[in-house]
Amino acid sequence: MTLFNTSREIPAPVEQVFAAFSHPERLSRWWGPAGFTNTFNVCELKTGGCWSFIMRGPNGVKYPNESVFAEIEPPGKIVIEHVSQPKYRLTITLASSTAGTVVSWSQAFENSDIASRIEHIVVPANEQNLDRLSAEVLRKSS
């Protein structure tokens, strides 16, 4: 098994960060690397719920994604089982800190060969995802 771990501190309460996950319209705005957009078919944010969507790259390529929300423990934990290729388990924890919330992001690939082949994509993409999450949490409502 290969793990990719990262974390980010966001200057906002845990509940505010969790809200960026728990509202599909907000989640679709920030999920994925920089330049990607999403169209959700199904987003059932509950333990055992389905998540099916198309992610579009900046070059217009469409990437179908199928996942299951393996665990949802509001407002502190989300576990996503990505059941389409490449298969992985993403565990996201949200913990209060003096400055706001620490978001911990741990992505586990069972197939180490696949993980090593896509590490050059996954590592920066995870950082970009957290950049986009931070921007969504901190954005002003219009």
N, C-alpha and C. Protein backbone atom coordinates (compact mmCIF):
# COMPACT_ATOMS: atom_id res chain seq x y z
N MET A 1 0.85 -1.18 0.00
CA MET A 1 0.00 0.00 0.00
C MET A 1 0.89 1.25 0.00
N THR A 2 0.48 2.25 -0.74
CA THR A 2 1.20 3.52 -0.81
C THR A 2 0.29 4.63 -0.32
N LEU A 3 0.82 5.46 0.58
CA LEU A 3 0.07 6.58 1.14
C LEU A 3 0.65 7.90 0.68
N PHE A 4 -0.24 8.82 0.34
CA PHE A 4 0.14 10.20 0.07
C PHE A 4 -0.58 11.05 1.11
N ASN A 5 0.19 11.77 1.93
CA ASN A 5 -0.38 12.57 3.00
C ASN A 5 -0.02 14.04 2.83
N THR A 6 -0.98 14.88 3.14
CA THR A 6 -0.74 16.31 3.17
C THR A 6 -1.71 16.92 4.17
N SER A 7 -1.47 18.16 4.53
CA SER A 7 -2.41 18.84 5.43
C SER A 7 -2.35 20.34 5.16
N ARG A 8 -3.35 21.01 5.66
CA ARG A 8 -3.47 22.45 5.44
C ARG A 8 -4.24 23.03 6.61
N GLU A 9 -3.81 24.19 7.09
CA GLU A 9 -4.58 24.89 8.12
C GLU A 9 -5.38 25.98 7.43
N ILE A 10 -6.67 25.99 7.70
CA ILE A 10 -7.57 26.97 7.11
C ILE A 10 -8.12 27.82 8.26
N PRO A 11 -8.03 29.15 8.15
CA PRO A 11 -8.48 30.02 9.24
C PRO A 11 -10.01 30.16 9.28
N ALA A 12 -10.66 29.05 9.64
CA ALA A 12 -12.12 29.01 9.73
C ALA A 12 -12.48 27.85 10.66
N PRO A 13 -13.66 27.92 11.30
CA PRO A 13 -14.07 26.83 12.19
C PRO A 13 -14.32 25.53 11.41
N VAL A 14 -14.20 24.41 12.12
CA VAL A 14 -14.39 23.08 11.52
C VAL A 14 -15.73 23.00 10.79
N GLU A 15 -16.79 23.50 11.39
CA GLU A 15 -18.13 23.41 10.77
C GLU A 15 -18.17 24.15 9.44
N GLN A 16 -17.46 25.25 9.35
CA GLN A 16 -17.42 26.03 8.11
C GLN A 16 -16.66 25.27 7.02
N VAL A 17 -15.59 24.59 7.40
CA VAL A 17 -14.83 23.79 6.44
C VAL A 17 -15.67 22.59 6.00
N PHE A 18 -16.32 21.92 6.94
CA PHE A 18 -17.15 20.76 6.60
C PHE A 18 -18.28 21.16 5.65
N ALA A 19 -18.81 22.36 5.80
CA ALA A 19 -19.90 22.83 4.93
C ALA A 19 -19.47 22.87 3.46
N ALA A 20 -18.19 23.08 3.19
CA ALA A 20 -17.70 23.08 1.80
C ALA A 20 -17.74 21.68 1.19
N PHE A 21 -17.78 20.65 2.04
CA PHE A 21 -17.94 19.27 1.59
C PHE A 21 -19.41 18.88 1.51
N SER A 22 -20.20 19.35 2.46
CA SER A 22 -21.54 18.81 2.64
C SER A 22 -22.61 19.42 1.74
N HIS A 23 -22.28 20.46 1.01
CA HIS A 23 -23.22 21.05 0.05
C HIS A 23 -22.69 20.76 -1.36
N PRO A 24 -23.36 19.89 -2.13
CA PRO A 24 -22.86 19.49 -3.44
C PRO A 24 -22.50 20.65 -4.37
N GLU A 25 -23.28 21.74 -4.35
CA GLU A 25 -22.96 22.86 -5.24
C GLU A 25 -21.62 23.49 -4.86
N ARG A 26 -21.30 23.50 -3.58
CA ARG A 26 -20.00 24.03 -3.14
C ARG A 26 -18.89 23.03 -3.46
N LEU A 27 -19.13 21.77 -3.17
CA LEU A 27 -18.14 20.72 -3.43
C LEU A 27 -17.74 20.70 -4.91
N SER A 28 -18.73 20.85 -5.78
CA SER A 28 -18.45 20.82 -7.22
C SER A 28 -17.59 21.99 -7.66
N ARG A 29 -17.62 23.12 -6.92
CA ARG A 29 -16.82 24.30 -7.28
C ARG A 29 -15.34 24.10 -7.02
N TRP A 30 -14.99 23.32 -5.98
CA TRP A 30 -13.59 23.27 -5.61
C TRP A 30 -12.94 21.90 -5.78
N TRP A 31 -13.71 20.84 -5.94
CA TRP A 31 -13.12 19.50 -5.98
C TRP A 31 -12.23 19.33 -7.21
N GLY A 32 -11.04 18.82 -7.01
CA GLY A 32 -10.13 18.52 -8.11
C GLY A 32 -9.00 19.51 -8.21
N PRO A 33 -8.04 19.19 -9.08
CA PRO A 33 -6.88 20.07 -9.27
C PRO A 33 -7.27 21.38 -9.94
N ALA A 34 -6.34 22.31 -9.94
CA ALA A 34 -6.54 23.62 -10.56
C ALA A 34 -6.96 23.46 -12.02
N GLY A 35 -7.96 24.25 -12.42
CA GLY A 35 -8.41 24.25 -13.80
C GLY A 35 -9.46 23.21 -14.14
N PHE A 36 -9.79 22.32 -13.21
CA PHE A 36 -10.79 21.28 -13.45
C PHE A 36 -12.16 21.75 -13.01
N THR A 37 -13.19 21.26 -13.71
CA THR A 37 -14.58 21.53 -13.34
C THR A 37 -15.30 20.20 -13.17
N ASN A 38 -16.45 20.24 -12.51
CA ASN A 38 -17.20 19.02 -12.20
C ASN A 38 -18.67 19.14 -12.55
N THR A 39 -19.24 18.02 -12.99
CA THR A 39 -20.68 17.88 -13.13
C THR A 39 -21.06 16.65 -12.33
N PHE A 40 -21.84 16.86 -11.27
CA PHE A 40 -22.24 15.75 -10.41
C PHE A 40 -23.51 15.11 -10.94
N ASN A 41 -23.50 13.79 -11.04
CA ASN A 41 -24.71 13.03 -11.36
C ASN A 41 -25.44 12.67 -10.07
N VAL A 42 -24.68 12.17 -9.09
CA VAL A 42 -25.21 11.78 -7.78
C VAL A 42 -24.18 12.20 -6.74
N CYS A 43 -24.64 12.77 -5.63
CA CYS A 43 -23.75 13.11 -4.52
C CYS A 43 -24.52 12.93 -3.22
N GLU A 44 -24.47 11.71 -2.69
CA GLU A 44 -25.20 11.35 -1.47
C GLU A 44 -24.22 11.35 -0.30
N LEU A 45 -24.03 12.52 0.30
CA LEU A 45 -23.05 12.65 1.38
C LEU A 45 -23.61 12.05 2.67
N LYS A 46 -23.48 10.72 2.74
CA LYS A 46 -23.86 9.94 3.92
C LYS A 46 -23.06 8.66 3.86
N THR A 47 -22.88 8.02 4.99
CA THR A 47 -22.14 6.76 5.00
C THR A 47 -22.82 5.76 4.07
N GLY A 48 -22.06 5.23 3.13
CA GLY A 48 -22.59 4.31 2.13
C GLY A 48 -23.17 4.99 0.90
N GLY A 49 -23.19 6.33 0.90
CA GLY A 49 -23.76 7.08 -0.22
C GLY A 49 -22.89 7.05 -1.46
N CYS A 50 -23.53 7.15 -2.62
CA CYS A 50 -22.83 7.14 -3.92
C CYS A 50 -22.43 8.56 -4.31
N TRP A 51 -21.32 8.61 -5.04
CA TRP A 51 -20.86 9.87 -5.60
C TRP A 51 -20.37 9.58 -7.01
N SER A 52 -21.12 10.07 -7.98
CA SER A 52 -20.81 9.84 -9.39
C SER A 52 -20.73 11.21 -10.08
N PHE A 53 -19.61 11.45 -10.76
CA PHE A 53 -19.46 12.74 -11.41
C PHE A 53 -18.47 12.66 -12.56
N ILE A 54 -18.52 13.68 -13.39
CA ILE A 54 -17.57 13.85 -14.49
C ILE A 54 -16.69 15.04 -14.15
N MET A 55 -15.39 14.80 -14.15
CA MET A 55 -14.42 15.87 -13.94
C MET A 55 -13.85 16.22 -15.32
N ARG A 56 -13.86 17.51 -15.64
CA ARG A 56 -13.33 17.97 -16.92
C ARG A 56 -12.01 18.69 -16.70
N GLY A 57 -11.02 18.26 -17.45
CA GLY A 57 -9.71 18.90 -17.36
C GLY A 57 -9.69 20.20 -18.13
N PRO A 58 -8.66 21.02 -17.91
CA PRO A 58 -8.54 22.29 -18.62
C PRO A 58 -8.49 22.11 -20.14
N ASN A 59 -8.07 20.91 -20.59
CA ASN A 59 -7.99 20.62 -22.02
C ASN A 59 -9.30 20.05 -22.58
N GLY A 60 -10.35 19.98 -21.73
CA GLY A 60 -11.65 19.49 -22.17
C GLY A 60 -11.85 17.99 -22.02
N VAL A 61 -10.81 17.25 -21.64
CA VAL A 61 -10.94 15.79 -21.47
C VAL A 61 -11.85 15.52 -20.27
N LYS A 62 -12.77 14.56 -20.45
CA LYS A 62 -13.72 14.19 -19.40
C LYS A 62 -13.23 12.94 -18.67
N TYR A 63 -13.25 13.01 -17.35
CA TYR A 63 -12.81 11.90 -16.51
C TYR A 63 -13.97 11.45 -15.63
N PRO A 64 -14.62 10.31 -15.98
CA PRO A 64 -15.71 9.80 -15.14
C PRO A 64 -15.15 9.31 -13.80
N ASN A 65 -15.85 9.61 -12.72
CA ASN A 65 -15.45 9.21 -11.37
C ASN A 65 -16.62 8.56 -10.66
N GLU A 66 -16.35 7.44 -10.03
CA GLU A 66 -17.34 6.74 -9.22
C GLU A 66 -16.73 6.50 -7.85
N SER A 67 -17.43 6.94 -6.81
CA SER A 67 -16.95 6.77 -5.45
C SER A 67 -18.10 6.41 -4.53
N VAL A 68 -17.73 5.97 -3.33
CA VAL A 68 -18.69 5.71 -2.26
C VAL A 68 -18.17 6.47 -1.04
N PHE A 69 -19.07 7.13 -0.34
CA PHE A 69 -18.70 7.75 0.92
C PHE A 69 -18.69 6.64 1.97
N ALA A 70 -17.50 6.11 2.26
CA ALA A 70 -17.37 4.97 3.16
C ALA A 70 -17.70 5.33 4.60
N GLU A 71 -17.35 6.55 5.00
CA GLU A 71 -17.65 7.04 6.35
C GLU A 71 -17.87 8.54 6.31
N ILE A 72 -18.91 8.97 6.97
CA ILE A 72 -19.15 10.40 7.17
C ILE A 72 -19.41 10.58 8.65
N GLU A 73 -18.56 11.36 9.31
CA GLU A 73 -18.73 11.68 10.73
C GLU A 73 -18.67 13.20 10.88
N PRO A 74 -19.81 13.87 10.64
CA PRO A 74 -19.82 15.33 10.71
C PRO A 74 -19.42 15.83 12.10
N PRO A 75 -18.68 16.89 12.21
CA PRO A 75 -18.03 17.62 11.13
C PRO A 75 -16.55 17.27 10.99
N GLY A 76 -16.12 16.10 11.47
CA GLY A 76 -14.69 15.87 11.56
C GLY A 76 -14.06 14.85 10.65
N LYS A 77 -14.85 14.03 9.94
CA LYS A 77 -14.20 12.98 9.14
C LYS A 77 -15.05 12.61 7.92
N ILE A 78 -14.34 12.44 6.80
CA ILE A 78 -14.95 11.99 5.55
C ILE A 78 -14.00 10.95 4.95
N VAL A 79 -14.53 9.78 4.63
CA VAL A 79 -13.73 8.74 3.99
C VAL A 79 -14.39 8.41 2.67
N ILE A 80 -13.61 8.54 1.60
CA ILE A 80 -14.12 8.32 0.24
C ILE A 80 -13.39 7.11 -0.36
N GLU A 81 -14.16 6.18 -0.84
CA GLU A 81 -13.64 5.00 -1.53
C GLU A 81 -13.81 5.26 -3.03
N HIS A 82 -12.72 5.51 -3.74
CA HIS A 82 -12.78 5.76 -5.19
C HIS A 82 -12.81 4.40 -5.87
N VAL A 83 -13.97 4.01 -6.41
CA VAL A 83 -14.15 2.65 -6.93
C VAL A 83 -13.85 2.53 -8.41
N SER A 84 -13.75 3.66 -9.12
CA SER A 84 -13.28 3.60 -10.50
C SER A 84 -11.76 3.71 -10.48
N GLN A 85 -11.13 3.45 -11.61
CA GLN A 85 -9.67 3.48 -11.68
C GLN A 85 -9.17 4.92 -11.69
N PRO A 86 -8.10 5.22 -11.01
CA PRO A 86 -7.33 4.37 -10.12
C PRO A 86 -8.02 4.25 -8.77
N LYS A 87 -8.03 3.07 -8.20
CA LYS A 87 -8.72 2.82 -6.94
C LYS A 87 -7.88 3.31 -5.77
N TYR A 88 -8.54 4.02 -4.86
CA TYR A 88 -7.86 4.50 -3.65
C TYR A 88 -8.90 4.78 -2.58
N ARG A 89 -8.40 4.98 -1.37
CA ARG A 89 -9.23 5.37 -0.22
C ARG A 89 -8.68 6.69 0.29
N LEU A 90 -9.53 7.71 0.32
CA LEU A 90 -9.14 9.04 0.78
C LEU A 90 -9.78 9.30 2.13
N THR A 91 -8.95 9.55 3.13
CA THR A 91 -9.45 9.87 4.47
C THR A 91 -9.12 11.33 4.75
N ILE A 92 -10.17 12.10 5.02
CA ILE A 92 -10.04 13.52 5.31
C ILE A 92 -10.51 13.75 6.73
N THR A 93 -9.65 14.34 7.55
CA THR A 93 -10.05 14.69 8.90
C THR A 93 -9.94 16.20 9.08
N LEU A 94 -10.86 16.73 9.87
CA LEU A 94 -10.90 18.15 10.17
C LEU A 94 -10.77 18.30 11.68
N ALA A 95 -9.75 19.00 12.13
CA ALA A 95 -9.51 19.16 13.57
C ALA A 95 -9.35 20.63 13.92
N SER A 96 -9.98 21.04 15.00
CA SER A 96 -9.85 22.43 15.47
C SER A 96 -8.41 22.73 15.83
N SER A 97 -8.00 23.95 15.52
CA SER A 97 -6.67 24.43 15.91
C SER A 97 -6.84 25.86 16.42
N THR A 98 -5.79 26.42 16.97
CA THR A 98 -5.89 27.79 17.47
C THR A 98 -6.17 28.78 16.35
N ALA A 99 -5.73 28.46 15.14
CA ALA A 99 -5.94 29.36 14.00
C ALA A 99 -7.17 29.01 13.16
N GLY A 100 -7.84 27.90 13.47
CA GLY A 100 -9.02 27.50 12.69
C GLY A 100 -9.18 26.00 12.62
N THR A 101 -8.87 25.44 11.45
CA THR A 101 -9.05 24.01 11.22
C THR A 101 -7.85 23.44 10.48
N VAL A 102 -7.36 22.30 10.97
CA VAL A 102 -6.32 21.57 10.25
C VAL A 102 -7.03 20.49 9.44
N VAL A 103 -6.86 20.54 8.13
CA VAL A 103 -7.40 19.53 7.22
C VAL A 103 -6.27 18.55 6.94
N SER A 104 -6.48 17.29 7.30
CA SER A 104 -5.50 16.24 6.99
C SER A 104 -6.07 15.36 5.90
N TRP A 105 -5.26 15.09 4.89
CA TRP A 105 -5.68 14.44 3.65
C TRP A 105 -4.76 13.25 3.45
N SER A 106 -5.29 12.04 3.55
CA SER A 106 -4.48 10.82 3.42
C SER A 106 -5.09 9.93 2.34
N GLN A 107 -4.34 9.74 1.26
CA GLN A 107 -4.82 8.99 0.11
C GLN A 107 -4.03 7.69 0.02
N ALA A 108 -4.74 6.55 0.16
CA ALA A 108 -4.10 5.23 0.18
C ALA A 108 -4.42 4.46 -1.09
N PHE A 109 -3.38 4.08 -1.79
CA PHE A 109 -3.51 3.25 -2.99
C PHE A 109 -3.06 1.84 -2.63
N GLU A 110 -3.92 0.85 -2.86
CA GLU A 110 -3.53 -0.54 -2.59
C GLU A 110 -2.45 -1.00 -3.56
N ASN A 111 -2.54 -0.56 -4.81
CA ASN A 111 -1.59 -0.96 -5.83
C ASN A 111 -0.43 0.03 -5.86
N SER A 112 0.69 -0.37 -5.30
CA SER A 112 1.87 0.52 -5.22
C SER A 112 2.44 0.86 -6.59
N ASP A 113 2.32 -0.06 -7.56
CA ASP A 113 2.82 0.22 -8.92
C ASP A 113 2.04 1.37 -9.55
N ILE A 114 0.72 1.32 -9.41
CA ILE A 114 -0.12 2.40 -9.95
C ILE A 114 0.23 3.71 -9.23
N ALA A 115 0.34 3.64 -7.91
CA ALA A 115 0.65 4.84 -7.13
C ALA A 115 1.97 5.46 -7.58
N SER A 116 2.98 4.65 -7.80
CA SER A 116 4.28 5.22 -8.21
C SER A 116 4.21 5.82 -9.61
N ARG A 117 3.38 5.24 -10.49
CA ARG A 117 3.25 5.79 -11.85
C ARG A 117 2.52 7.12 -11.89
N ILE A 118 1.61 7.35 -10.93
CA ILE A 118 0.83 8.59 -10.95
C ILE A 118 1.20 9.57 -9.83
N GLU A 119 2.22 9.24 -9.05
CA GLU A 119 2.63 10.11 -7.94
C GLU A 119 2.90 11.54 -8.42
N HIS A 120 3.53 11.69 -9.60
CA HIS A 120 3.86 13.02 -10.12
C HIS A 120 2.60 13.85 -10.41
N ILE A 121 1.45 13.19 -10.54
CA ILE A 121 0.17 13.88 -10.74
C ILE A 121 -0.53 14.07 -9.40
N VAL A 122 -0.57 13.00 -8.60
CA VAL A 122 -1.34 12.97 -7.35
C VAL A 122 -0.84 14.00 -6.34
N VAL A 123 0.46 14.06 -6.12
CA VAL A 123 1.00 14.92 -5.07
C VAL A 123 0.66 16.40 -5.33
N PRO A 124 0.97 16.96 -6.52
CA PRO A 124 0.59 18.36 -6.74
C PRO A 124 -0.93 18.55 -6.82
N ALA A 125 -1.66 17.55 -7.34
CA ALA A 125 -3.12 17.66 -7.44
C ALA A 125 -3.75 17.76 -6.05
N ASN A 126 -3.23 16.99 -5.09
CA ASN A 126 -3.77 17.06 -3.73
C ASN A 126 -3.53 18.44 -3.13
N GLU A 127 -2.38 19.03 -3.37
CA GLU A 127 -2.10 20.39 -2.88
C GLU A 127 -3.04 21.40 -3.54
N GLN A 128 -3.26 21.25 -4.84
CA GLN A 128 -4.18 22.15 -5.55
C GLN A 128 -5.60 22.00 -5.03
N ASN A 129 -5.99 20.76 -4.72
CA ASN A 129 -7.32 20.53 -4.15
C ASN A 129 -7.47 21.28 -2.84
N LEU A 130 -6.46 21.24 -1.99
CA LEU A 130 -6.53 21.95 -0.71
C LEU A 130 -6.48 23.46 -0.92
N ASP A 131 -5.77 23.94 -1.94
CA ASP A 131 -5.78 25.37 -2.29
C ASP A 131 -7.21 25.79 -2.62
N ARG A 132 -7.87 24.97 -3.44
CA ARG A 132 -9.23 25.29 -3.89
C ARG A 132 -10.23 25.19 -2.74
N LEU A 133 -10.05 24.21 -1.85
CA LEU A 133 -10.91 24.10 -0.66
C LEU A 133 -10.75 25.35 0.19
N SER A 134 -9.52 25.78 0.44
CA SER A 134 -9.28 26.99 1.24
C SER A 134 -9.98 28.19 0.63
N ALA A 135 -9.85 28.35 -0.67
CA ALA A 135 -10.49 29.48 -1.35
C ALA A 135 -12.01 29.41 -1.23
N GLU A 136 -12.57 28.22 -1.35
CA GLU A 136 -14.03 28.06 -1.22
C GLU A 136 -14.50 28.39 0.19
N VAL A 137 -13.79 27.89 1.19
CA VAL A 137 -14.18 28.16 2.58
C VAL A 137 -14.11 29.65 2.89
N LEU A 138 -13.10 30.32 2.36
CA LEU A 138 -12.87 31.73 2.69
C LEU A 138 -13.56 32.71 1.75
N ARG A 139 -14.19 32.21 0.70
CA ARG A 139 -14.80 33.13 -0.27
C ARG A 139 -16.00 33.84 0.34
N LYS A 140 -16.18 35.05 -0.09
CA LYS A 140 -17.29 35.86 0.40
C LYS A 140 -18.56 35.49 -0.37
N SER A 141 -19.66 35.39 0.34
CA SER A 141 -20.95 35.15 -0.33
C SER A 141 -21.34 36.42 -1.07
N SER A 142 -21.87 36.21 -2.29
CA SER A 142 -22.25 37.39 -3.07
C SER A 142 -23.74 37.52 -3.14
